[in-house]
Each structure stands twice: as C-alpha cells, then as structure tokens.
N, C-alpha and C. Protein backbone atom coordinates (compact mmCIF):
# COMPACT_ATOMS: atom_id res chain seq x y z
N UNK A 1 -10.13 16.00 -28.71
CA UNK A 1 -9.10 17.02 -28.73
C UNK A 1 -8.35 16.93 -30.06
N UNK A 2 -8.17 18.06 -30.69
CA UNK A 2 -7.49 18.11 -31.98
C UNK A 2 -6.00 17.88 -31.80
N UNK A 3 -5.43 17.21 -32.79
CA UNK A 3 -3.99 16.96 -32.77
C UNK A 3 -3.26 18.24 -33.16
N UNK A 4 -2.42 18.75 -32.28
CA UNK A 4 -1.71 19.99 -32.55
C UNK A 4 -0.31 19.66 -33.03
N UNK A 5 -0.11 19.83 -34.33
CA UNK A 5 1.19 19.56 -34.91
C UNK A 5 1.37 20.45 -36.14
N UNK A 6 2.58 20.45 -36.64
CA UNK A 6 2.89 21.24 -37.82
C UNK A 6 2.21 20.66 -39.05
N UNK A 7 1.69 21.52 -39.89
CA UNK A 7 1.04 21.11 -41.14
C UNK A 7 1.84 21.66 -42.32
N UNK A 8 1.65 21.06 -43.48
CA UNK A 8 2.27 21.51 -44.73
C UNK A 8 3.76 21.82 -44.57
N UNK A 9 4.46 20.91 -44.02
CA UNK A 9 5.89 21.10 -43.75
C UNK A 9 6.71 20.75 -44.99
N UNK A 10 7.44 21.74 -45.53
CA UNK A 10 8.23 21.53 -46.74
C UNK A 10 9.61 22.17 -46.60
N UNK A 11 10.63 21.53 -47.16
CA UNK A 11 11.98 22.11 -47.11
C UNK A 11 12.09 23.37 -47.96
N UNK A 12 12.99 24.25 -47.57
CA UNK A 12 13.24 25.51 -48.28
C UNK A 12 14.72 25.66 -48.59
N UNK A 13 15.00 26.45 -49.60
CA UNK A 13 16.36 26.89 -49.86
C UNK A 13 16.47 28.33 -49.38
N UNK A 14 17.67 28.73 -49.00
CA UNK A 14 17.85 30.08 -48.47
C UNK A 14 17.42 31.14 -49.48
N UNK A 15 17.67 30.92 -50.77
CA UNK A 15 17.31 31.93 -51.76
C UNK A 15 15.79 32.15 -51.82
N UNK A 16 14.99 31.16 -51.39
CA UNK A 16 13.55 31.32 -51.36
C UNK A 16 13.09 32.27 -50.26
N UNK A 17 13.88 32.42 -49.21
CA UNK A 17 13.47 33.29 -48.10
C UNK A 17 14.45 34.43 -47.86
N UNK A 18 15.25 34.75 -48.86
CA UNK A 18 16.22 35.83 -48.71
C UNK A 18 15.53 37.14 -48.32
N UNK A 19 14.39 37.46 -48.96
CA UNK A 19 13.65 38.69 -48.63
C UNK A 19 13.19 38.68 -47.17
N UNK A 20 12.68 37.56 -46.72
CA UNK A 20 12.22 37.45 -45.33
C UNK A 20 13.41 37.62 -44.39
N UNK A 21 14.52 36.99 -44.71
CA UNK A 21 15.71 37.11 -43.88
C UNK A 21 16.18 38.56 -43.80
N UNK A 22 16.19 39.26 -44.94
CA UNK A 22 16.60 40.66 -44.96
C UNK A 22 15.65 41.53 -44.13
N UNK A 23 14.34 41.26 -44.23
CA UNK A 23 13.36 42.03 -43.47
C UNK A 23 13.55 41.84 -41.96
N UNK A 24 13.74 40.60 -41.54
CA UNK A 24 13.92 40.31 -40.11
C UNK A 24 15.25 40.87 -39.61
N UNK A 25 16.30 40.75 -40.39
CA UNK A 25 17.60 41.31 -40.00
C UNK A 25 17.51 42.82 -39.85
N UNK A 26 16.76 43.50 -40.72
CA UNK A 26 16.57 44.94 -40.60
C UNK A 26 15.78 45.30 -39.35
N UNK A 27 14.82 44.47 -39.00
CA UNK A 27 13.99 44.72 -37.82
C UNK A 27 14.77 44.49 -36.52
N UNK A 28 15.55 43.44 -36.48
CA UNK A 28 16.24 43.09 -35.23
C UNK A 28 17.65 43.64 -35.15
N UNK A 29 18.21 44.08 -36.27
CA UNK A 29 19.50 44.75 -36.25
C UNK A 29 20.72 43.86 -36.13
N UNK A 30 20.61 42.61 -36.56
CA UNK A 30 21.78 41.72 -36.54
C UNK A 30 21.58 40.59 -37.54
N UNK A 31 22.67 40.02 -38.05
CA UNK A 31 22.54 38.92 -39.02
C UNK A 31 22.04 37.64 -38.34
N UNK A 32 21.20 36.90 -39.07
CA UNK A 32 20.63 35.67 -38.52
C UNK A 32 21.35 34.42 -39.01
N UNK A 33 22.15 34.53 -40.06
CA UNK A 33 22.90 33.40 -40.63
C UNK A 33 22.00 32.22 -40.99
N UNK A 34 20.89 32.50 -41.66
CA UNK A 34 19.96 31.44 -42.05
C UNK A 34 20.51 30.57 -43.16
N UNK A 35 21.49 31.06 -43.91
CA UNK A 35 22.03 30.28 -45.02
C UNK A 35 22.77 29.04 -44.53
N UNK A 36 23.12 28.98 -43.26
CA UNK A 36 23.86 27.85 -42.70
C UNK A 36 22.95 26.81 -42.04
N UNK A 37 21.63 27.01 -42.10
CA UNK A 37 20.68 26.14 -41.39
C UNK A 37 19.88 25.27 -42.36
N UNK A 38 19.32 24.18 -41.83
CA UNK A 38 18.33 23.40 -42.56
C UNK A 38 17.00 24.13 -42.39
N UNK A 39 16.42 24.61 -43.49
CA UNK A 39 15.23 25.45 -43.45
C UNK A 39 14.00 24.69 -43.91
N UNK A 40 12.88 24.94 -43.22
CA UNK A 40 11.59 24.38 -43.60
C UNK A 40 10.53 25.45 -43.38
N UNK A 41 9.46 25.36 -44.17
CA UNK A 41 8.29 26.19 -43.88
C UNK A 41 7.19 25.26 -43.39
N UNK A 42 6.32 25.78 -42.54
CA UNK A 42 5.24 24.97 -41.98
C UNK A 42 4.09 25.89 -41.59
N UNK A 43 2.98 25.27 -41.23
CA UNK A 43 1.79 26.00 -40.81
C UNK A 43 1.34 25.40 -39.48
N UNK A 44 1.04 26.26 -38.51
CA UNK A 44 0.61 25.78 -37.19
C UNK A 44 -0.48 26.70 -36.66
N UNK A 45 -1.70 26.16 -36.53
CA UNK A 45 -2.84 26.89 -35.97
C UNK A 45 -3.01 28.29 -36.55
N UNK A 46 -3.00 28.39 -37.87
CA UNK A 46 -3.23 29.67 -38.53
C UNK A 46 -2.02 30.56 -38.66
N UNK A 47 -0.85 30.08 -38.27
CA UNK A 47 0.37 30.89 -38.33
C UNK A 47 1.39 30.20 -39.25
N UNK A 48 1.93 30.96 -40.19
CA UNK A 48 3.01 30.44 -41.03
C UNK A 48 4.32 30.55 -40.26
N UNK A 49 5.13 29.50 -40.33
CA UNK A 49 6.39 29.44 -39.59
C UNK A 49 7.54 29.10 -40.53
N UNK A 50 8.73 29.54 -40.15
CA UNK A 50 9.96 29.06 -40.77
C UNK A 50 10.75 28.37 -39.67
N UNK A 51 11.12 27.13 -39.94
CA UNK A 51 11.88 26.33 -38.98
C UNK A 51 13.35 26.33 -39.39
N UNK A 52 14.22 26.52 -38.43
CA UNK A 52 15.66 26.40 -38.67
C UNK A 52 16.15 25.22 -37.85
N UNK A 53 16.72 24.26 -38.52
CA UNK A 53 17.18 23.03 -37.87
C UNK A 53 16.08 22.41 -37.02
N UNK A 54 14.87 22.34 -37.60
CA UNK A 54 13.67 21.72 -37.02
C UNK A 54 13.08 22.46 -35.82
N UNK A 55 13.48 23.69 -35.59
CA UNK A 55 12.96 24.50 -34.49
C UNK A 55 12.22 25.71 -35.06
N UNK A 56 10.96 25.95 -34.65
CA UNK A 56 10.24 27.13 -35.16
C UNK A 56 10.90 28.41 -34.66
N UNK A 57 11.52 29.14 -35.57
CA UNK A 57 12.27 30.34 -35.18
C UNK A 57 11.68 31.64 -35.71
N UNK A 58 10.89 31.59 -36.78
CA UNK A 58 10.27 32.79 -37.33
C UNK A 58 8.79 32.54 -37.54
N UNK A 59 7.97 33.55 -37.27
CA UNK A 59 6.54 33.43 -37.51
C UNK A 59 6.05 34.65 -38.28
N UNK A 60 5.02 34.44 -39.08
CA UNK A 60 4.45 35.50 -39.89
C UNK A 60 3.25 36.09 -39.15
N UNK A 61 3.32 37.39 -38.89
CA UNK A 61 2.25 38.09 -38.17
C UNK A 61 1.58 39.06 -39.12
N UNK A 62 0.27 39.29 -38.93
CA UNK A 62 -0.44 40.26 -39.75
C UNK A 62 -0.67 41.52 -38.95
N UNK A 63 -0.28 42.67 -39.54
CA UNK A 63 -0.52 43.94 -38.86
C UNK A 63 -1.91 44.46 -39.18
N UNK A 64 -2.27 45.61 -38.64
CA UNK A 64 -3.62 46.17 -38.83
C UNK A 64 -3.94 46.45 -40.29
N UNK A 65 -2.92 46.78 -41.07
CA UNK A 65 -3.12 47.10 -42.49
C UNK A 65 -3.29 45.85 -43.34
N UNK A 66 -3.16 44.68 -42.76
CA UNK A 66 -3.28 43.43 -43.50
C UNK A 66 -1.97 42.95 -44.09
N UNK A 67 -0.89 43.68 -43.87
CA UNK A 67 0.42 43.27 -44.37
C UNK A 67 1.06 42.23 -43.47
N UNK A 68 1.99 41.48 -44.03
CA UNK A 68 2.69 40.45 -43.27
C UNK A 68 4.00 40.97 -42.73
N UNK A 69 4.29 40.64 -41.49
CA UNK A 69 5.55 40.98 -40.84
C UNK A 69 6.11 39.70 -40.24
N UNK A 70 7.35 39.37 -40.57
CA UNK A 70 8.01 38.20 -39.99
C UNK A 70 8.76 38.64 -38.75
N UNK A 71 8.64 37.86 -37.66
CA UNK A 71 9.28 38.18 -36.40
C UNK A 71 9.71 36.88 -35.73
N UNK A 72 10.79 36.91 -34.96
CA UNK A 72 11.24 35.68 -34.29
C UNK A 72 10.23 35.17 -33.26
N UNK A 73 10.12 33.85 -33.17
CA UNK A 73 9.36 33.24 -32.08
C UNK A 73 10.23 33.31 -30.82
N UNK A 74 9.72 32.84 -29.70
CA UNK A 74 10.52 32.83 -28.48
C UNK A 74 11.77 31.97 -28.64
N UNK A 75 11.63 30.85 -29.34
CA UNK A 75 12.81 30.00 -29.58
C UNK A 75 13.82 30.72 -30.47
N UNK A 76 13.35 31.49 -31.43
CA UNK A 76 14.24 32.29 -32.26
C UNK A 76 14.92 33.38 -31.45
N UNK A 77 14.20 34.00 -30.53
CA UNK A 77 14.79 35.02 -29.66
C UNK A 77 15.89 34.42 -28.79
N UNK A 78 15.65 33.23 -28.27
CA UNK A 78 16.68 32.55 -27.46
C UNK A 78 17.90 32.20 -28.31
N UNK A 79 17.67 31.81 -29.55
CA UNK A 79 18.77 31.41 -30.43
C UNK A 79 19.63 32.60 -30.84
N UNK A 80 19.00 33.75 -31.13
CA UNK A 80 19.73 34.88 -31.70
C UNK A 80 20.05 35.99 -30.71
N UNK A 81 19.58 35.96 -29.48
CA UNK A 81 19.90 36.96 -28.44
C UNK A 81 19.75 38.40 -28.95
N UNK A 82 18.53 38.78 -29.25
CA UNK A 82 18.27 40.10 -29.81
C UNK A 82 18.27 41.18 -28.74
N UNK A 83 18.55 42.40 -29.14
CA UNK A 83 18.60 43.52 -28.20
C UNK A 83 17.73 44.70 -28.63
N UNK A 84 16.89 44.53 -29.65
CA UNK A 84 16.03 45.62 -30.10
C UNK A 84 14.57 45.22 -29.98
N UNK A 85 13.70 46.21 -29.91
CA UNK A 85 12.25 46.03 -29.87
C UNK A 85 11.80 45.19 -28.67
N UNK A 86 12.40 45.46 -27.52
CA UNK A 86 12.07 44.73 -26.30
C UNK A 86 11.23 45.61 -25.37
N UNK A 87 10.49 44.95 -24.51
CA UNK A 87 9.77 45.58 -23.41
C UNK A 87 10.16 44.80 -22.17
N UNK A 88 10.61 45.49 -21.13
CA UNK A 88 11.07 44.84 -19.90
C UNK A 88 10.00 44.97 -18.82
N UNK A 89 9.66 43.85 -18.18
CA UNK A 89 8.62 43.87 -17.15
C UNK A 89 9.18 43.44 -15.80
N UNK A 90 8.48 43.84 -14.73
CA UNK A 90 8.89 43.46 -13.38
C UNK A 90 8.37 42.05 -13.06
N UNK A 91 8.77 41.54 -11.90
CA UNK A 91 8.40 40.18 -11.51
C UNK A 91 6.90 40.00 -11.30
N UNK A 92 6.20 41.04 -10.94
CA UNK A 92 4.77 40.93 -10.71
C UNK A 92 3.98 40.61 -11.97
N UNK A 93 4.50 40.98 -13.13
CA UNK A 93 3.79 40.76 -14.39
C UNK A 93 4.01 39.36 -14.95
N UNK A 94 5.06 38.68 -14.53
CA UNK A 94 5.45 37.41 -15.14
C UNK A 94 4.37 36.32 -15.03
N UNK A 95 3.75 36.09 -13.86
CA UNK A 95 2.73 35.04 -13.80
C UNK A 95 1.55 35.29 -14.74
N UNK A 96 1.19 36.55 -14.94
CA UNK A 96 0.08 36.88 -15.83
C UNK A 96 0.48 36.64 -17.29
N UNK A 97 1.71 37.00 -17.64
CA UNK A 97 2.19 36.77 -19.00
C UNK A 97 2.28 35.28 -19.32
N UNK A 98 2.62 34.46 -18.31
CA UNK A 98 2.72 33.01 -18.52
C UNK A 98 1.35 32.39 -18.79
N UNK A 99 0.28 33.10 -18.45
CA UNK A 99 -1.07 32.62 -18.74
C UNK A 99 -1.65 33.26 -19.99
N UNK A 100 -0.83 34.05 -20.72
CA UNK A 100 -1.28 34.63 -21.97
C UNK A 100 -1.94 35.98 -21.86
N UNK A 101 -1.86 36.63 -20.70
CA UNK A 101 -2.48 37.94 -20.54
C UNK A 101 -1.71 39.00 -21.32
N UNK A 102 -2.41 40.06 -21.68
CA UNK A 102 -1.74 41.20 -22.31
C UNK A 102 -0.83 41.87 -21.29
N UNK A 103 0.18 42.55 -21.77
CA UNK A 103 1.14 43.22 -20.89
C UNK A 103 0.62 44.61 -20.56
N UNK A 104 0.38 44.85 -19.30
CA UNK A 104 -0.15 46.14 -18.87
C UNK A 104 0.99 47.14 -18.70
N UNK A 105 0.71 48.40 -18.98
CA UNK A 105 1.72 49.46 -18.91
C UNK A 105 2.28 49.62 -17.50
N UNK A 106 1.49 49.32 -16.48
CA UNK A 106 1.95 49.48 -15.09
C UNK A 106 3.13 48.55 -14.77
N UNK A 107 3.21 47.40 -15.42
CA UNK A 107 4.28 46.45 -15.14
C UNK A 107 5.53 46.67 -15.97
N UNK A 108 5.48 47.59 -16.92
CA UNK A 108 6.62 47.83 -17.80
C UNK A 108 7.64 48.72 -17.11
N UNK A 109 8.87 48.23 -16.98
CA UNK A 109 9.94 48.96 -16.31
C UNK A 109 10.87 49.67 -17.28
N UNK A 110 11.02 49.13 -18.48
CA UNK A 110 11.92 49.70 -19.47
C UNK A 110 11.45 49.23 -20.85
N UNK A 111 11.79 50.00 -21.88
CA UNK A 111 11.45 49.58 -23.24
C UNK A 111 12.40 50.25 -24.23
N UNK A 112 12.50 49.66 -25.39
CA UNK A 112 13.31 50.22 -26.47
C UNK A 112 12.64 51.51 -26.94
N UNK A 113 13.34 52.64 -26.96
CA UNK A 113 12.72 53.90 -27.38
C UNK A 113 12.33 53.92 -28.85
N UNK A 114 12.83 52.97 -29.66
CA UNK A 114 12.50 52.92 -31.08
C UNK A 114 11.17 52.24 -31.37
N UNK A 115 10.50 51.72 -30.35
CA UNK A 115 9.23 51.03 -30.55
C UNK A 115 8.17 52.04 -30.96
N UNK A 116 7.41 51.67 -32.00
CA UNK A 116 6.27 52.46 -32.44
C UNK A 116 5.01 51.67 -32.18
N UNK A 117 3.87 52.34 -32.21
CA UNK A 117 2.60 51.65 -32.03
C UNK A 117 2.37 50.69 -33.20
N UNK A 118 1.74 49.55 -32.94
CA UNK A 118 1.44 48.51 -33.92
C UNK A 118 2.72 47.95 -34.55
N UNK A 119 3.66 47.60 -33.69
CA UNK A 119 4.93 47.01 -34.12
C UNK A 119 5.14 45.72 -33.32
N UNK A 120 5.68 44.65 -33.93
CA UNK A 120 5.95 43.45 -33.14
C UNK A 120 7.09 43.71 -32.15
N UNK A 121 6.89 43.27 -30.92
CA UNK A 121 7.89 43.45 -29.86
C UNK A 121 8.00 42.15 -29.07
N UNK A 122 9.06 42.04 -28.29
CA UNK A 122 9.20 40.90 -27.40
C UNK A 122 9.32 41.40 -25.97
N UNK A 123 8.77 40.63 -25.06
CA UNK A 123 8.74 41.01 -23.65
C UNK A 123 9.77 40.16 -22.92
N UNK A 124 10.57 40.83 -22.08
CA UNK A 124 11.61 40.11 -21.36
C UNK A 124 11.56 40.41 -19.87
N UNK A 125 12.16 39.52 -19.11
CA UNK A 125 12.29 39.62 -17.66
C UNK A 125 13.28 40.74 -17.33
N UNK A 126 12.94 41.55 -16.35
CA UNK A 126 13.77 42.69 -15.95
C UNK A 126 15.14 42.26 -15.42
N UNK A 127 15.20 41.17 -14.69
CA UNK A 127 16.44 40.75 -14.03
C UNK A 127 17.34 39.95 -14.97
N UNK A 128 16.80 38.92 -15.61
CA UNK A 128 17.61 38.01 -16.42
C UNK A 128 17.63 38.35 -17.90
N UNK A 129 16.69 39.14 -18.37
CA UNK A 129 16.63 39.51 -19.78
C UNK A 129 16.19 38.38 -20.70
N UNK A 130 15.55 37.35 -20.15
CA UNK A 130 15.09 36.21 -20.94
C UNK A 130 13.73 36.50 -21.56
N UNK A 131 13.49 36.05 -22.79
CA UNK A 131 12.20 36.30 -23.43
C UNK A 131 11.06 35.57 -22.73
N UNK A 132 9.95 36.29 -22.57
CA UNK A 132 8.76 35.73 -21.94
C UNK A 132 7.60 35.63 -22.91
N UNK A 133 7.50 36.60 -23.83
CA UNK A 133 6.36 36.65 -24.74
C UNK A 133 6.69 37.51 -25.96
N UNK A 134 5.87 37.36 -26.98
CA UNK A 134 5.93 38.18 -28.19
C UNK A 134 4.55 38.77 -28.38
N UNK A 135 4.49 40.02 -28.83
CA UNK A 135 3.19 40.64 -29.05
C UNK A 135 3.27 41.88 -29.90
N UNK A 136 2.13 42.55 -30.03
CA UNK A 136 2.03 43.81 -30.78
C UNK A 136 2.02 44.96 -29.80
N UNK A 137 2.84 45.97 -30.05
CA UNK A 137 2.84 47.15 -29.19
C UNK A 137 1.56 47.95 -29.44
N UNK A 138 0.96 48.43 -28.39
CA UNK A 138 -0.23 49.26 -28.48
C UNK A 138 0.09 50.72 -28.21
N UNK A 139 1.34 50.99 -27.82
CA UNK A 139 1.83 52.34 -27.54
C UNK A 139 3.26 52.43 -28.07
N UNK A 140 3.80 53.64 -28.12
CA UNK A 140 5.21 53.80 -28.45
C UNK A 140 6.04 53.42 -27.23
N UNK A 141 7.33 53.25 -27.41
CA UNK A 141 8.22 52.91 -26.30
C UNK A 141 8.21 53.96 -25.21
N UNK A 142 8.17 55.24 -25.58
CA UNK A 142 8.13 56.33 -24.60
C UNK A 142 6.81 56.34 -23.85
N UNK A 143 5.70 56.12 -24.56
CA UNK A 143 4.38 56.12 -23.92
C UNK A 143 4.26 54.99 -22.90
N UNK A 144 4.87 53.84 -23.21
CA UNK A 144 4.82 52.70 -22.27
C UNK A 144 5.45 53.06 -20.94
N UNK A 145 6.54 53.80 -20.98
CA UNK A 145 7.24 54.17 -19.74
C UNK A 145 6.48 55.22 -18.96
N UNK A 146 5.77 56.11 -19.65
CA UNK A 146 5.07 57.19 -18.97
C UNK A 146 3.66 56.81 -18.52
N UNK A 147 3.04 55.86 -19.21
CA UNK A 147 1.67 55.47 -18.88
C UNK A 147 1.65 54.69 -17.57
N UNK A 148 0.71 55.00 -16.72
CA UNK A 148 0.57 54.28 -15.46
C UNK A 148 -0.49 53.21 -15.52
N UNK A 149 -1.30 53.23 -16.57
CA UNK A 149 -2.36 52.23 -16.70
C UNK A 149 -2.65 51.98 -18.17
N UNK A 150 -3.39 50.92 -18.42
CA UNK A 150 -3.74 50.56 -19.79
C UNK A 150 -2.86 49.43 -20.31
N UNK A 151 -3.25 48.92 -21.47
CA UNK A 151 -2.49 47.84 -22.11
C UNK A 151 -1.34 48.43 -22.90
N UNK A 152 -0.16 47.85 -22.72
CA UNK A 152 1.02 48.28 -23.46
C UNK A 152 1.33 47.38 -24.64
N UNK A 153 1.09 46.06 -24.46
CA UNK A 153 1.39 45.07 -25.51
C UNK A 153 0.28 44.04 -25.54
N UNK A 154 -0.22 43.74 -26.76
CA UNK A 154 -1.19 42.67 -26.95
C UNK A 154 -0.40 41.39 -27.21
N UNK A 155 -0.44 40.46 -26.28
CA UNK A 155 0.37 39.24 -26.33
C UNK A 155 -0.22 38.24 -27.33
N UNK A 156 0.68 37.65 -28.16
CA UNK A 156 0.22 36.65 -29.13
C UNK A 156 0.95 35.30 -28.99
N UNK A 157 2.11 35.28 -28.34
CA UNK A 157 2.89 34.04 -28.18
C UNK A 157 3.67 34.18 -26.88
N UNK A 158 3.59 33.17 -26.00
CA UNK A 158 4.24 33.25 -24.70
C UNK A 158 4.81 31.89 -24.31
N UNK A 159 5.69 31.89 -23.32
CA UNK A 159 6.26 30.65 -22.80
C UNK A 159 5.12 29.81 -22.23
N UNK A 160 4.99 28.59 -22.71
CA UNK A 160 3.95 27.69 -22.23
C UNK A 160 2.76 27.57 -23.16
N UNK A 161 2.67 28.36 -24.24
CA UNK A 161 1.54 28.22 -25.16
C UNK A 161 1.79 27.03 -26.10
N UNK A 162 0.84 26.78 -27.01
CA UNK A 162 0.95 25.61 -27.89
C UNK A 162 2.17 25.68 -28.81
N UNK A 163 2.50 26.86 -29.30
CA UNK A 163 3.66 26.99 -30.17
C UNK A 163 4.96 26.74 -29.40
N UNK A 164 5.03 27.20 -28.17
CA UNK A 164 6.21 26.96 -27.33
C UNK A 164 6.37 25.47 -27.04
N UNK A 165 5.26 24.79 -26.76
CA UNK A 165 5.29 23.37 -26.39
C UNK A 165 5.34 22.43 -27.60
N UNK A 166 5.36 22.98 -28.79
CA UNK A 166 5.34 22.20 -30.01
C UNK A 166 6.57 21.30 -30.12
N UNK A 167 6.33 20.03 -30.34
CA UNK A 167 7.43 19.10 -30.61
C UNK A 167 7.54 18.99 -32.12
N UNK A 168 8.54 19.66 -32.69
CA UNK A 168 8.63 19.78 -34.14
C UNK A 168 9.49 18.71 -34.81
N UNK A 169 9.98 17.75 -34.07
CA UNK A 169 10.84 16.74 -34.69
C UNK A 169 10.05 15.71 -35.47
C-alpha cells in the first residue's frame, strides 16, 4: 500500500498567492484573510493544495478547457462558512455521497441560482447546511432544480476520502 501523505511541501508568503486569494474571494464572495495565516503549498495525489495553518484549505482543480480553478476543500468550507455555489441535498443522497458517488439531480432540493455548468460547487446537507462534498456542476443551478433525473454534480472530494482523512501535521 502506498504511503498517502503530502509531497513537495514548502512555505509561502501571502504575496506569492495574492492572485489565487483574489480569485477564490471573487468566487466565494467573502474575504478569506489568508495574510494572517501560516501558508504552505503541497501536492497530494495529483492535486495542488494550499495549506493554512497546516490544514489543506484550497485545492487546484482543472476545468474542461484545461485552465486551473482554485476552490476551497471541505476543511476550507468549514473554516470560512461560505454561502455561494452550493447544492443542497436531501437525507437520502448523503450515504451515496459519503461513498464518493456523483450527486444525482433527483436528490437536489435547492441550489444557488448563480451556478453555471462546469463550475466548482460544494454540496451541503439540507437540514444542517454542513459541507458533504465538492465537485463540478454538470447543469446550471436552475436545471438542477427542474431536472428529475441525471447527474447534477460530478463529485471529486467528499467527507471520508483520502484528502479529508489526511493528517497534515
């Protein structure tokens, strides 16, 4: 079994990631205050990460065009309590999401109307609003609510996966 740990871990200064911080703040709609944290960059199973105070909080995702998009990990979502680009699911979908399944449109109860197709989104519990997974939207926010079948979100990171269970200390 391969050892799953962070690779190429190096300290960063805030001015080195100011562009990334601005991009993520524009996407999520609130300041992240990264200038007050101990910052590191690392690599984990093909994903570039930015760690804040030794916790993986941002990950670099590649969209269909081959461009890079930085988006919060689940730990970052818990830290910053975001309210944009969410998809809300019912209790029936949660066990499937915990096993890494894609989010089906039938389980989606609510979504941010600003979501566009091929955009990073986070999936949350309908009752508590806690993050469950991060993925790529396959439909717009309006289409997710109207569609009765099909995949709504392609899941890439969920509670219980290797990145979630990573001991980064």
